[in-house]
């Protein structure tokens, strides 16, 4: 759900995710 994107934003702020990002909805 959309609330999970807070966790995504945290990982992006800490440079722990690398593009291209693969999401499973």
PDBML (XML) file of the C-alpha atoms, coordinates in Angstrom:
<?xml version="1.0" encoding="UTF-8" ?>
<PDBx:datablock datablockName="MODEL"
   xmlns:PDBx="http://pdbml.pdb.org/schema/pdbx-v50.xsd"
   xmlns:xsi="http://www.w3.org/2001/XMLSchema-instance"
   xsi:schemaLocation="http://pdbml.pdb.org/schema/pdbx-v50.xsd pdbx-v50.xsd">
   <PDBx:atom_siteCategory>
      <PDBx:atom_site id="1">
         <PDBx:B_iso_or_equiv>0.00</PDBx:B_iso_or_equiv>
         <PDBx:Cartn_x>0.000</PDBx:Cartn_x>
         <PDBx:Cartn_y>0.000</PDBx:Cartn_y>
         <PDBx:Cartn_z>0.000</PDBx:Cartn_z>
         <PDBx:auth_asym_id>A</PDBx:auth_asym_id>
         <PDBx:auth_atom_id>CA</PDBx:auth_atom_id>
         <PDBx:auth_comp_id>UNK</PDBx:auth_comp_id>
         <PDBx:auth_seq_id>1</PDBx:auth_seq_id>
         <PDBx:group_PDB>ATOM</PDBx:group_PDB>
         <PDBx:label_alt_id xsi:nil="true" />
         <PDBx:label_asym_id>A</PDBx:label_asym_id>
         <PDBx:label_atom_id>CA</PDBx:label_atom_id>
         <PDBx:label_comp_id>UNK</PDBx:label_comp_id>
         <PDBx:label_entity_id>1</PDBx:label_entity_id>
         <PDBx:label_seq_id>1</PDBx:label_seq_id>
         <PDBx:occupancy>1.00</PDBx:occupancy>
         <PDBx:pdbx_PDB_model_num>1</PDBx:pdbx_PDB_model_num>
         <PDBx:type_symbol>C</PDBx:type_symbol>
      </PDBx:atom_site>
      <PDBx:atom_site id="2">
         <PDBx:B_iso_or_equiv>0.00</PDBx:B_iso_or_equiv>
         <PDBx:Cartn_x>1.062</PDBx:Cartn_x>
         <PDBx:Cartn_y>3.636</PDBx:Cartn_y>
         <PDBx:Cartn_z>-0.235</PDBx:Cartn_z>
         <PDBx:auth_asym_id>A</PDBx:auth_asym_id>
         <PDBx:auth_atom_id>CA</PDBx:auth_atom_id>
         <PDBx:auth_comp_id>UNK</PDBx:auth_comp_id>
         <PDBx:auth_seq_id>2</PDBx:auth_seq_id>
         <PDBx:group_PDB>ATOM</PDBx:group_PDB>
         <PDBx:label_alt_id xsi:nil="true" />
         <PDBx:label_asym_id>A</PDBx:label_asym_id>
         <PDBx:label_atom_id>CA</PDBx:label_atom_id>
         <PDBx:label_comp_id>UNK</PDBx:label_comp_id>
         <PDBx:label_entity_id>1</PDBx:label_entity_id>
         <PDBx:label_seq_id>2</PDBx:label_seq_id>
         <PDBx:occupancy>1.00</PDBx:occupancy>
         <PDBx:pdbx_PDB_model_num>1</PDBx:pdbx_PDB_model_num>
         <PDBx:type_symbol>C</PDBx:type_symbol>
      </PDBx:atom_site>
      <PDBx:atom_site id="3">
         <PDBx:B_iso_or_equiv>0.00</PDBx:B_iso_or_equiv>
         <PDBx:Cartn_x>2.261</PDBx:Cartn_x>
         <PDBx:Cartn_y>3.700</PDBx:Cartn_y>
         <PDBx:Cartn_z>3.384</PDBx:Cartn_z>
         <PDBx:auth_asym_id>A</PDBx:auth_asym_id>
         <PDBx:auth_atom_id>CA</PDBx:auth_atom_id>
         <PDBx:auth_comp_id>UNK</PDBx:auth_comp_id>
         <PDBx:auth_seq_id>3</PDBx:auth_seq_id>
         <PDBx:group_PDB>ATOM</PDBx:group_PDB>
         <PDBx:label_alt_id xsi:nil="true" />
         <PDBx:label_asym_id>A</PDBx:label_asym_id>
         <PDBx:label_atom_id>CA</PDBx:label_atom_id>
         <PDBx:label_comp_id>UNK</PDBx:label_comp_id>
         <PDBx:label_entity_id>1</PDBx:label_entity_id>
         <PDBx:label_seq_id>3</PDBx:label_seq_id>
         <PDBx:occupancy>1.00</PDBx:occupancy>
         <PDBx:pdbx_PDB_model_num>1</PDBx:pdbx_PDB_model_num>
         <PDBx:type_symbol>C</PDBx:type_symbol>
      </PDBx:atom_site>
      <PDBx:atom_site id="4">
         <PDBx:B_iso_or_equiv>0.00</PDBx:B_iso_or_equiv>
         <PDBx:Cartn_x>5.098</PDBx:Cartn_x>
         <PDBx:Cartn_y>1.335</PDBx:Cartn_y>
         <PDBx:Cartn_z>2.384</PDBx:Cartn_z>
         <PDBx:auth_asym_id>A</PDBx:auth_asym_id>
         <PDBx:auth_atom_id>CA</PDBx:auth_atom_id>
         <PDBx:auth_comp_id>UNK</PDBx:auth_comp_id>
         <PDBx:auth_seq_id>4</PDBx:auth_seq_id>
         <PDBx:group_PDB>ATOM</PDBx:group_PDB>
         <PDBx:label_alt_id xsi:nil="true" />
         <PDBx:label_asym_id>A</PDBx:label_asym_id>
         <PDBx:label_atom_id>CA</PDBx:label_atom_id>
         <PDBx:label_comp_id>UNK</PDBx:label_comp_id>
         <PDBx:label_entity_id>1</PDBx:label_entity_id>
         <PDBx:label_seq_id>4</PDBx:label_seq_id>
         <PDBx:occupancy>1.00</PDBx:occupancy>
         <PDBx:pdbx_PDB_model_num>1</PDBx:pdbx_PDB_model_num>
         <PDBx:type_symbol>C</PDBx:type_symbol>
      </PDBx:atom_site>
      <PDBx:atom_site id="5">
         <PDBx:B_iso_or_equiv>0.00</PDBx:B_iso_or_equiv>
         <PDBx:Cartn_x>6.635</PDBx:Cartn_x>
         <PDBx:Cartn_y>4.158</PDBx:Cartn_y>
         <PDBx:Cartn_z>0.343</PDBx:Cartn_z>
         <PDBx:auth_asym_id>A</PDBx:auth_asym_id>
         <PDBx:auth_atom_id>CA</PDBx:auth_atom_id>
         <PDBx:auth_comp_id>UNK</PDBx:auth_comp_id>
         <PDBx:auth_seq_id>5</PDBx:auth_seq_id>
         <PDBx:group_PDB>ATOM</PDBx:group_PDB>
         <PDBx:label_alt_id xsi:nil="true" />
         <PDBx:label_asym_id>A</PDBx:label_asym_id>
         <PDBx:label_atom_id>CA</PDBx:label_atom_id>
         <PDBx:label_comp_id>UNK</PDBx:label_comp_id>
         <PDBx:label_entity_id>1</PDBx:label_entity_id>
         <PDBx:label_seq_id>5</PDBx:label_seq_id>
         <PDBx:occupancy>1.00</PDBx:occupancy>
         <PDBx:pdbx_PDB_model_num>1</PDBx:pdbx_PDB_model_num>
         <PDBx:type_symbol>C</PDBx:type_symbol>
      </PDBx:atom_site>
      <PDBx:atom_site id="6">
         <PDBx:B_iso_or_equiv>0.00</PDBx:B_iso_or_equiv>
         <PDBx:Cartn_x>7.785</PDBx:Cartn_x>
         <PDBx:Cartn_y>5.801</PDBx:Cartn_y>
         <PDBx:Cartn_z>3.597</PDBx:Cartn_z>
         <PDBx:auth_asym_id>A</PDBx:auth_asym_id>
         <PDBx:auth_atom_id>CA</PDBx:auth_atom_id>
         <PDBx:auth_comp_id>UNK</PDBx:auth_comp_id>
         <PDBx:auth_seq_id>6</PDBx:auth_seq_id>
         <PDBx:group_PDB>ATOM</PDBx:group_PDB>
         <PDBx:label_alt_id xsi:nil="true" />
         <PDBx:label_asym_id>A</PDBx:label_asym_id>
         <PDBx:label_atom_id>CA</PDBx:label_atom_id>
         <PDBx:label_comp_id>UNK</PDBx:label_comp_id>
         <PDBx:label_entity_id>1</PDBx:label_entity_id>
         <PDBx:label_seq_id>6</PDBx:label_seq_id>
         <PDBx:occupancy>1.00</PDBx:occupancy>
         <PDBx:pdbx_PDB_model_num>1</PDBx:pdbx_PDB_model_num>
         <PDBx:type_symbol>C</PDBx:type_symbol>
      </PDBx:atom_site>
      <PDBx:atom_site id="7">
         <PDBx:B_iso_or_equiv>0.00</PDBx:B_iso_or_equiv>
         <PDBx:Cartn_x>10.162</PDBx:Cartn_x>
         <PDBx:Cartn_y>2.845</PDBx:Cartn_y>
         <PDBx:Cartn_z>3.970</PDBx:Cartn_z>
         <PDBx:auth_asym_id>A</PDBx:auth_asym_id>
         <PDBx:auth_atom_id>CA</PDBx:auth_atom_id>
         <PDBx:auth_comp_id>UNK</PDBx:auth_comp_id>
         <PDBx:auth_seq_id>7</PDBx:auth_seq_id>
         <PDBx:group_PDB>ATOM</PDBx:group_PDB>
         <PDBx:label_alt_id xsi:nil="true" />
         <PDBx:label_asym_id>A</PDBx:label_asym_id>
         <PDBx:label_atom_id>CA</PDBx:label_atom_id>
         <PDBx:label_comp_id>UNK</PDBx:label_comp_id>
         <PDBx:label_entity_id>1</PDBx:label_entity_id>
         <PDBx:label_seq_id>7</PDBx:label_seq_id>
         <PDBx:occupancy>1.00</PDBx:occupancy>
         <PDBx:pdbx_PDB_model_num>1</PDBx:pdbx_PDB_model_num>
         <PDBx:type_symbol>C</PDBx:type_symbol>
      </PDBx:atom_site>
      <PDBx:atom_site id="8">
         <PDBx:B_iso_or_equiv>0.00</PDBx:B_iso_or_equiv>
         <PDBx:Cartn_x>11.209</PDBx:Cartn_x>
         <PDBx:Cartn_y>3.237</PDBx:Cartn_y>
         <PDBx:Cartn_z>0.317</PDBx:Cartn_z>
         <PDBx:auth_asym_id>A</PDBx:auth_asym_id>
         <PDBx:auth_atom_id>CA</PDBx:auth_atom_id>
         <PDBx:auth_comp_id>UNK</PDBx:auth_comp_id>
         <PDBx:auth_seq_id>8</PDBx:auth_seq_id>
         <PDBx:group_PDB>ATOM</PDBx:group_PDB>
         <PDBx:label_alt_id xsi:nil="true" />
         <PDBx:label_asym_id>A</PDBx:label_asym_id>
         <PDBx:label_atom_id>CA</PDBx:label_atom_id>
         <PDBx:label_comp_id>UNK</PDBx:label_comp_id>
         <PDBx:label_entity_id>1</PDBx:label_entity_id>
         <PDBx:label_seq_id>8</PDBx:label_seq_id>
         <PDBx:occupancy>1.00</PDBx:occupancy>
         <PDBx:pdbx_PDB_model_num>1</PDBx:pdbx_PDB_model_num>
         <PDBx:type_symbol>C</PDBx:type_symbol>
      </PDBx:atom_site>
      <PDBx:atom_site id="9">
         <PDBx:B_iso_or_equiv>0.00</PDBx:B_iso_or_equiv>
         <PDBx:Cartn_x>11.939</PDBx:Cartn_x>
         <PDBx:Cartn_y>6.936</PDBx:Cartn_y>
         <PDBx:Cartn_z>0.873</PDBx:Cartn_z>
         <PDBx:auth_asym_id>A</PDBx:auth_asym_id>
         <PDBx:auth_atom_id>CA</PDBx:auth_atom_id>
         <PDBx:auth_comp_id>UNK</PDBx:auth_comp_id>
         <PDBx:auth_seq_id>9</PDBx:auth_seq_id>
         <PDBx:group_PDB>ATOM</PDBx:group_PDB>
         <PDBx:label_alt_id xsi:nil="true" />
         <PDBx:label_asym_id>A</PDBx:label_asym_id>
         <PDBx:label_atom_id>CA</PDBx:label_atom_id>
         <PDBx:label_comp_id>UNK</PDBx:label_comp_id>
         <PDBx:label_entity_id>1</PDBx:label_entity_id>
         <PDBx:label_seq_id>9</PDBx:label_seq_id>
         <PDBx:occupancy>1.00</PDBx:occupancy>
         <PDBx:pdbx_PDB_model_num>1</PDBx:pdbx_PDB_model_num>
         <PDBx:type_symbol>C</PDBx:type_symbol>
      </PDBx:atom_site>
      <PDBx:atom_site id="10">
         <PDBx:B_iso_or_equiv>0.00</PDBx:B_iso_or_equiv>
         <PDBx:Cartn_x>14.053</PDBx:Cartn_x>
         <PDBx:Cartn_y>6.090</PDBx:Cartn_y>
         <PDBx:Cartn_z>3.906</PDBx:Cartn_z>
         <PDBx:auth_asym_id>A</PDBx:auth_asym_id>
         <PDBx:auth_atom_id>CA</PDBx:auth_atom_id>
         <PDBx:auth_comp_id>UNK</PDBx:auth_comp_id>
         <PDBx:auth_seq_id>10</PDBx:auth_seq_id>
         <PDBx:group_PDB>ATOM</PDBx:group_PDB>
         <PDBx:label_alt_id xsi:nil="true" />
         <PDBx:label_asym_id>A</PDBx:label_asym_id>
         <PDBx:label_atom_id>CA</PDBx:label_atom_id>
         <PDBx:label_comp_id>UNK</PDBx:label_comp_id>
         <PDBx:label_entity_id>1</PDBx:label_entity_id>
         <PDBx:label_seq_id>10</PDBx:label_seq_id>
         <PDBx:occupancy>1.00</PDBx:occupancy>
         <PDBx:pdbx_PDB_model_num>1</PDBx:pdbx_PDB_model_num>
         <PDBx:type_symbol>C</PDBx:type_symbol>
      </PDBx:atom_site>
      <PDBx:atom_site id="11">
         <PDBx:B_iso_or_equiv>0.00</PDBx:B_iso_or_equiv>
         <PDBx:Cartn_x>16.116</PDBx:Cartn_x>
         <PDBx:Cartn_y>3.601</PDBx:Cartn_y>
         <PDBx:Cartn_z>1.849</PDBx:Cartn_z>
         <PDBx:auth_asym_id>A</PDBx:auth_asym_id>
         <PDBx:auth_atom_id>CA</PDBx:auth_atom_id>
         <PDBx:auth_comp_id>UNK</PDBx:auth_comp_id>
         <PDBx:auth_seq_id>11</PDBx:auth_seq_id>
         <PDBx:group_PDB>ATOM</PDBx:group_PDB>
         <PDBx:label_alt_id xsi:nil="true" />
         <PDBx:label_asym_id>A</PDBx:label_asym_id>
         <PDBx:label_atom_id>CA</PDBx:label_atom_id>
         <PDBx:label_comp_id>UNK</PDBx:label_comp_id>
         <PDBx:label_entity_id>1</PDBx:label_entity_id>
         <PDBx:label_seq_id>11</PDBx:label_seq_id>
         <PDBx:occupancy>1.00</PDBx:occupancy>
         <PDBx:pdbx_PDB_model_num>1</PDBx:pdbx_PDB_model_num>
         <PDBx:type_symbol>C</PDBx:type_symbol>
      </PDBx:atom_site>
      <PDBx:atom_site id="12">
         <PDBx:B_iso_or_equiv>0.00</PDBx:B_iso_or_equiv>
         <PDBx:Cartn_x>16.522</PDBx:Cartn_x>
         <PDBx:Cartn_y>6.177</PDBx:Cartn_y>
         <PDBx:Cartn_z>-0.936</PDBx:Cartn_z>
         <PDBx:auth_asym_id>A</PDBx:auth_asym_id>
         <PDBx:auth_atom_id>CA</PDBx:auth_atom_id>
         <PDBx:auth_comp_id>UNK</PDBx:auth_comp_id>
         <PDBx:auth_seq_id>12</PDBx:auth_seq_id>
         <PDBx:group_PDB>ATOM</PDBx:group_PDB>
         <PDBx:label_alt_id xsi:nil="true" />
         <PDBx:label_asym_id>A</PDBx:label_asym_id>
         <PDBx:label_atom_id>CA</PDBx:label_atom_id>
         <PDBx:label_comp_id>UNK</PDBx:label_comp_id>
         <PDBx:label_entity_id>1</PDBx:label_entity_id>
         <PDBx:label_seq_id>12</PDBx:label_seq_id>
         <PDBx:occupancy>1.00</PDBx:occupancy>
         <PDBx:pdbx_PDB_model_num>1</PDBx:pdbx_PDB_model_num>
         <PDBx:type_symbol>C</PDBx:type_symbol>
      </PDBx:atom_site>
      <PDBx:atom_site id="13">
         <PDBx:B_iso_or_equiv>0.00</PDBx:B_iso_or_equiv>
         <PDBx:Cartn_x>17.623</PDBx:Cartn_x>
         <PDBx:Cartn_y>8.911</PDBx:Cartn_y>
         <PDBx:Cartn_z>1.524</PDBx:Cartn_z>
         <PDBx:auth_asym_id>A</PDBx:auth_asym_id>
         <PDBx:auth_atom_id>CA</PDBx:auth_atom_id>
         <PDBx:auth_comp_id>UNK</PDBx:auth_comp_id>
         <PDBx:auth_seq_id>13</PDBx:auth_seq_id>
         <PDBx:group_PDB>ATOM</PDBx:group_PDB>
         <PDBx:label_alt_id xsi:nil="true" />
         <PDBx:label_asym_id>A</PDBx:label_asym_id>
         <PDBx:label_atom_id>CA</PDBx:label_atom_id>
         <PDBx:label_comp_id>UNK</PDBx:label_comp_id>
         <PDBx:label_entity_id>1</PDBx:label_entity_id>
         <PDBx:label_seq_id>13</PDBx:label_seq_id>
         <PDBx:occupancy>1.00</PDBx:occupancy>
         <PDBx:pdbx_PDB_model_num>1</PDBx:pdbx_PDB_model_num>
         <PDBx:type_symbol>C</PDBx:type_symbol>
      </PDBx:atom_site>
      <PDBx:atom_site id="14">
         <PDBx:B_iso_or_equiv>0.00</PDBx:B_iso_or_equiv>
         <PDBx:Cartn_x>20.290</PDBx:Cartn_x>
         <PDBx:Cartn_y>6.545</PDBx:Cartn_y>
         <PDBx:Cartn_z>2.843</PDBx:Cartn_z>
         <PDBx:auth_asym_id>A</PDBx:auth_asym_id>
         <PDBx:auth_atom_id>CA</PDBx:auth_atom_id>
         <PDBx:auth_comp_id>UNK</PDBx:auth_comp_id>
         <PDBx:auth_seq_id>14</PDBx:auth_seq_id>
         <PDBx:group_PDB>ATOM</PDBx:group_PDB>
         <PDBx:label_alt_id xsi:nil="true" />
         <PDBx:label_asym_id>A</PDBx:label_asym_id>
         <PDBx:label_atom_id>CA</PDBx:label_atom_id>
         <PDBx:label_comp_id>UNK</PDBx:label_comp_id>
         <PDBx:label_entity_id>1</PDBx:label_entity_id>
         <PDBx:label_seq_id>14</PDBx:label_seq_id>
         <PDBx:occupancy>1.00</PDBx:occupancy>
         <PDBx:pdbx_PDB_model_num>1</PDBx:pdbx_PDB_model_num>
         <PDBx:type_symbol>C</PDBx:type_symbol>
      </PDBx:atom_site>
      <PDBx:atom_site id="15">
         <PDBx:B_iso_or_equiv>0.00</PDBx:B_iso_or_equiv>
         <PDBx:Cartn_x>21.385</PDBx:Cartn_x>
         <PDBx:Cartn_y>5.640</PDBx:Cartn_y>
         <PDBx:Cartn_z>-0.719</PDBx:Cartn_z>
         <PDBx:auth_asym_id>A</PDBx:auth_asym_id>
         <PDBx:auth_atom_id>CA</PDBx:auth_atom_id>
         <PDBx:auth_comp_id>UNK</PDBx:auth_comp_id>
         <PDBx:auth_seq_id>15</PDBx:auth_seq_id>
         <PDBx:group_PDB>ATOM</PDBx:group_PDB>
         <PDBx:label_alt_id xsi:nil="true" />
         <PDBx:label_asym_id>A</PDBx:label_asym_id>
         <PDBx:label_atom_id>CA</PDBx:label_atom_id>
         <PDBx:label_comp_id>UNK</PDBx:label_comp_id>
         <PDBx:label_entity_id>1</PDBx:label_entity_id>
         <PDBx:label_seq_id>15</PDBx:label_seq_id>
         <PDBx:occupancy>1.00</PDBx:occupancy>
         <PDBx:pdbx_PDB_model_num>1</PDBx:pdbx_PDB_model_num>
         <PDBx:type_symbol>C</PDBx:type_symbol>
      </PDBx:atom_site>
      <PDBx:atom_site id="16">
         <PDBx:B_iso_or_equiv>0.00</PDBx:B_iso_or_equiv>
         <PDBx:Cartn_x>20.641</PDBx:Cartn_x>
         <PDBx:Cartn_y>1.959</PDBx:Cartn_y>
         <PDBx:Cartn_z>-0.126</PDBx:Cartn_z>
         <PDBx:auth_asym_id>A</PDBx:auth_asym_id>
         <PDBx:auth_atom_id>CA</PDBx:auth_atom_id>
         <PDBx:auth_comp_id>UNK</PDBx:auth_comp_id>
         <PDBx:auth_seq_id>16</PDBx:auth_seq_id>
         <PDBx:group_PDB>ATOM</PDBx:group_PDB>
         <PDBx:label_alt_id xsi:nil="true" />
         <PDBx:label_asym_id>A</PDBx:label_asym_id>
         <PDBx:label_atom_id>CA</PDBx:label_atom_id>
         <PDBx:label_comp_id>UNK</PDBx:label_comp_id>
         <PDBx:label_entity_id>1</PDBx:label_entity_id>
         <PDBx:label_seq_id>16</PDBx:label_seq_id>
         <PDBx:occupancy>1.00</PDBx:occupancy>
         <PDBx:pdbx_PDB_model_num>1</PDBx:pdbx_PDB_model_num>
         <PDBx:type_symbol>C</PDBx:type_symbol>
      </PDBx:atom_site>
      <PDBx:atom_site id="17">
         <PDBx:B_iso_or_equiv>0.00</PDBx:B_iso_or_equiv>
         <PDBx:Cartn_x>18.548</PDBx:Cartn_x>
         <PDBx:Cartn_y>1.466</PDBx:Cartn_y>
         <PDBx:Cartn_z>-3.276</PDBx:Cartn_z>
         <PDBx:auth_asym_id>A</PDBx:auth_asym_id>
         <PDBx:auth_atom_id>CA</PDBx:auth_atom_id>
         <PDBx:auth_comp_id>UNK</PDBx:auth_comp_id>
         <PDBx:auth_seq_id>17</PDBx:auth_seq_id>
         <PDBx:group_PDB>ATOM</PDBx:group_PDB>
         <PDBx:label_alt_id xsi:nil="true" />
         <PDBx:label_asym_id>A</PDBx:label_asym_id>
         <PDBx:label_atom_id>CA</PDBx:label_atom_id>
         <PDBx:label_comp_id>UNK</PDBx:label_comp_id>
         <PDBx:label_entity_id>1</PDBx:label_entity_id>
         <PDBx:label_seq_id>17</PDBx:label_seq_id>
         <PDBx:occupancy>1.00</PDBx:occupancy>
         <PDBx:pdbx_PDB_model_num>1</PDBx:pdbx_PDB_model_num>
         <PDBx:type_symbol>C</PDBx:type_symbol>
      </PDBx:atom_site>
      <PDBx:atom_site id="18">
         <PDBx:B_iso_or_equiv>0.00</PDBx:B_iso_or_equiv>
         <PDBx:Cartn_x>20.131</PDBx:Cartn_x>
         <PDBx:Cartn_y>1.648</PDBx:Cartn_y>
         <PDBx:Cartn_z>-6.722</PDBx:Cartn_z>
         <PDBx:auth_asym_id>A</PDBx:auth_asym_id>
         <PDBx:auth_atom_id>CA</PDBx:auth_atom_id>
         <PDBx:auth_comp_id>UNK</PDBx:auth_comp_id>
         <PDBx:auth_seq_id>18</PDBx:auth_seq_id>
         <PDBx:group_PDB>ATOM</PDBx:group_PDB>
         <PDBx:label_alt_id xsi:nil="true" />
         <PDBx:label_asym_id>A</PDBx:label_asym_id>
         <PDBx:label_atom_id>CA</PDBx:label_atom_id>
         <PDBx:label_comp_id>UNK</PDBx:label_comp_id>
         <PDBx:label_entity_id>1</PDBx:label_entity_id>
         <PDBx:label_seq_id>18</PDBx:label_seq_id>
         <PDBx:occupancy>1.00</PDBx:occupancy>
         <PDBx:pdbx_PDB_model_num>1</PDBx:pdbx_PDB_model_num>
         <PDBx:type_symbol>C</PDBx:type_symbol>
      </PDBx:atom_site>
      <PDBx:atom_site id="19">
         <PDBx:B_iso_or_equiv>0.00</PDBx:B_iso_or_equiv>
         <PDBx:Cartn_x>18.239</PDBx:Cartn_x>
         <PDBx:Cartn_y>2.369</PDBx:Cartn_y>
         <PDBx:Cartn_z>-9.959</PDBx:Cartn_z>
         <PDBx:auth_asym_id>A</PDBx:auth_asym_id>
         <PDBx:auth_atom_id>CA</PDBx:auth_atom_id>
         <PDBx:auth_comp_id>UNK</PDBx:auth_comp_id>
         <PDBx:auth_seq_id>19</PDBx:auth_seq_id>
         <PDBx:group_PDB>ATOM</PDBx:group_PDB>
         <PDBx:label_alt_id xsi:nil="true" />
         <PDBx:label_asym_id>A</PDBx:label_asym_id>
         <PDBx:label_atom_id>CA</PDBx:label_atom_id>
         <PDBx:label_comp_id>UNK</PDBx:label_comp_id>
         <PDBx:label_entity_id>1</PDBx:label_entity_id>
         <PDBx:label_seq_id>19</PDBx:label_seq_id>
         <PDBx:occupancy>1.00</PDBx:occupancy>
         <PDBx:pdbx_PDB_model_num>1</PDBx:pdbx_PDB_model_num>
         <PDBx:type_symbol>C</PDBx:type_symbol>
      </PDBx:atom_site>
      <PDBx:atom_site id="20">
         <PDBx:B_iso_or_equiv>0.00</PDBx:B_iso_or_equiv>
         <PDBx:Cartn_x>16.542</PDBx:Cartn_x>
         <PDBx:Cartn_y>0.994</PDBx:Cartn_y>
         <PDBx:Cartn_z>-11.860</PDBx:Cartn_z>
         <PDBx:auth_asym_id>A</PDBx:auth_asym_id>
         <PDBx:auth_atom_id>CA</PDBx:auth_atom_id>
         <PDBx:auth_comp_id>UNK</PDBx:auth_comp_id>
         <PDBx:auth_seq_id>20</PDBx:auth_seq_id>
         <PDBx:group_PDB>ATOM</PDBx:group_PDB>
         <PDBx:label_alt_id xsi:nil="true" />
         <PDBx:label_asym_id>A</PDBx:label_asym_id>
         <PDBx:label_atom_id>CA</PDBx:label_atom_id>
         <PDBx:label_comp_id>UNK</PDBx:label_comp_id>
         <PDBx:label_entity_id>1</PDBx:label_entity_id>
         <PDBx:label_seq_id>20</PDBx:label_seq_id>
         <PDBx:occupancy>1.00</PDBx:occupancy>
         <PDBx:pdbx_PDB_model_num>1</PDBx:pdbx_PDB_model_num>
         <PDBx:type_symbol>C</PDBx:type_symbol>
      </PDBx:atom_site>
      <PDBx:atom_site id="21">
         <PDBx:B_iso_or_equiv>0.00</PDBx:B_iso_or_equiv>
         <PDBx:Cartn_x>14.205</PDBx:Cartn_x>
         <PDBx:Cartn_y>0.251</PDBx:Cartn_y>
         <PDBx:Cartn_z>-8.960</PDBx:Cartn_z>
         <PDBx:auth_asym_id>A</PDBx:auth_asym_id>
         <PDBx:auth_atom_id>CA</PDBx:auth_atom_id>
         <PDBx:auth_comp_id>UNK</PDBx:auth_comp_id>
         <PDBx:auth_seq_id>21</PDBx:auth_seq_id>
         <PDBx:group_PDB>ATOM</PDBx:group_PDB>
         <PDBx:label_alt_id xsi:nil="true" />
         <PDBx:label_asym_id>A</PDBx:label_asym_id>
         <PDBx:label_atom_id>CA</PDBx:label_atom_id>
         <PDBx:label_comp_id>UNK</PDBx:label_comp_id>
         <PDBx:label_entity_id>1</PDBx:label_entity_id>
         <PDBx:label_seq_id>21</PDBx:label_seq_id>
         <PDBx:occupancy>1.00</PDBx:occupancy>
         <PDBx:pdbx_PDB_model_num>1</PDBx:pdbx_PDB_model_num>
         <PDBx:type_symbol>C</PDBx:type_symbol>
      </PDBx:atom_site>
      <PDBx:atom_site id="22">
         <PDBx:B_iso_or_equiv>0.00</PDBx:B_iso_or_equiv>
         <PDBx:Cartn_x>12.067</PDBx:Cartn_x>
         <PDBx:Cartn_y>-2.870</PDBx:Cartn_y>
         <PDBx:Cartn_z>-9.306</PDBx:Cartn_z>
         <PDBx:auth_asym_id>A</PDBx:auth_asym_id>
         <PDBx:auth_atom_id>CA</PDBx:auth_atom_id>
         <PDBx:auth_comp_id>UNK</PDBx:auth_comp_id>
         <PDBx:auth_seq_id>22</PDBx:auth_seq_id>
         <PDBx:group_PDB>ATOM</PDBx:group_PDB>
         <PDBx:label_alt_id xsi:nil="true" />
         <PDBx:label_asym_id>A</PDBx:label_asym_id>
         <PDBx:label_atom_id>CA</PDBx:label_atom_id>
         <PDBx:label_comp_id>UNK</PDBx:label_comp_id>
         <PDBx:label_entity_id>1</PDBx:label_entity_id>
         <PDBx:label_seq_id>22</PDBx:label_seq_id>
         <PDBx:occupancy>1.00</PDBx:occupancy>
         <PDBx:pdbx_PDB_model_num>1</PDBx:pdbx_PDB_model_num>
         <PDBx:type_symbol>C</PDBx:type_symbol>
      </PDBx:atom_site>
      <PDBx:atom_site id="23">
         <PDBx:B_iso_or_equiv>0.00</PDBx:B_iso_or_equiv>
         <PDBx:Cartn_x>8.772</PDBx:Cartn_x>
         <PDBx:Cartn_y>-2.776</PDBx:Cartn_y>
         <PDBx:Cartn_z>-7.427</PDBx:Cartn_z>
         <PDBx:auth_asym_id>A</PDBx:auth_asym_id>
         <PDBx:auth_atom_id>CA</PDBx:auth_atom_id>
         <PDBx:auth_comp_id>UNK</PDBx:auth_comp_id>
         <PDBx:auth_seq_id>23</PDBx:auth_seq_id>
         <PDBx:group_PDB>ATOM</PDBx:group_PDB>
         <PDBx:label_alt_id xsi:nil="true" />
         <PDBx:label_asym_id>A</PDBx:label_asym_id>
         <PDBx:label_atom_id>CA</PDBx:label_atom_id>
         <PDBx:label_comp_id>UNK</PDBx:label_comp_id>
         <PDBx:label_entity_id>1</PDBx:label_entity_id>
         <PDBx:label_seq_id>23</PDBx:label_seq_id>
         <PDBx:occupancy>1.00</PDBx:occupancy>
         <PDBx:pdbx_PDB_model_num>1</PDBx:pdbx_PDB_model_num>
         <PDBx:type_symbol>C</PDBx:type_symbol>
      </PDBx:atom_site>
      <PDBx:atom_site id="24">
         <PDBx:B_iso_or_equiv>0.00</PDBx:B_iso_or_equiv>
         <PDBx:Cartn_x>6.272</PDBx:Cartn_x>
         <PDBx:Cartn_y>-5.584</PDBx:Cartn_y>
         <PDBx:Cartn_z>-6.970</PDBx:Cartn_z>
         <PDBx:auth_asym_id>A</PDBx:auth_asym_id>
         <PDBx:auth_atom_id>CA</PDBx:auth_atom_id>
         <PDBx:auth_comp_id>UNK</PDBx:auth_comp_id>
         <PDBx:auth_seq_id>24</PDBx:auth_seq_id>
         <PDBx:group_PDB>ATOM</PDBx:group_PDB>
         <PDBx:label_alt_id xsi:nil="true" />
         <PDBx:label_asym_id>A</PDBx:label_asym_id>
         <PDBx:label_atom_id>CA</PDBx:label_atom_id>
         <PDBx:label_comp_id>UNK</PDBx:label_comp_id>
         <PDBx:label_entity_id>1</PDBx:label_entity_id>
         <PDBx:label_seq_id>24</PDBx:label_seq_id>
         <PDBx:occupancy>1.00</PDBx:occupancy>
         <PDBx:pdbx_PDB_model_num>1</PDBx:pdbx_PDB_model_num>
         <PDBx:type_symbol>C</PDBx:type_symbol>
      </PDBx:atom_site>
      <PDBx:atom_site id="25">
         <PDBx:B_iso_or_equiv>0.00</PDBx:B_iso_or_equiv>
         <PDBx:Cartn_x>2.872</PDBx:Cartn_x>
         <PDBx:Cartn_y>-4.111</PDBx:Cartn_y>
         <PDBx:Cartn_z>-6.152</PDBx:Cartn_z>
         <PDBx:auth_asym_id>A</PDBx:auth_asym_id>
         <PDBx:auth_atom_id>CA</PDBx:auth_atom_id>
         <PDBx:auth_comp_id>UNK</PDBx:auth_comp_id>
         <PDBx:auth_seq_id>25</PDBx:auth_seq_id>
         <PDBx:group_PDB>ATOM</PDBx:group_PDB>
         <PDBx:label_alt_id xsi:nil="true" />
         <PDBx:label_asym_id>A</PDBx:label_asym_id>
         <PDBx:label_atom_id>CA</PDBx:label_atom_id>
         <PDBx:label_comp_id>UNK</PDBx:label_comp_id>
         <PDBx:label_entity_id>1</PDBx:label_entity_id>
         <PDBx:label_seq_id>25</PDBx:label_seq_id>
         <PDBx:occupancy>1.00</PDBx:occupancy>
         <PDBx:pdbx_PDB_model_num>1</PDBx:pdbx_PDB_model_num>
         <PDBx:type_symbol>C</PDBx:type_symbol>
      </PDBx:atom_site>
   </PDBx:atom_siteCategory>
</PDBx:datablock>
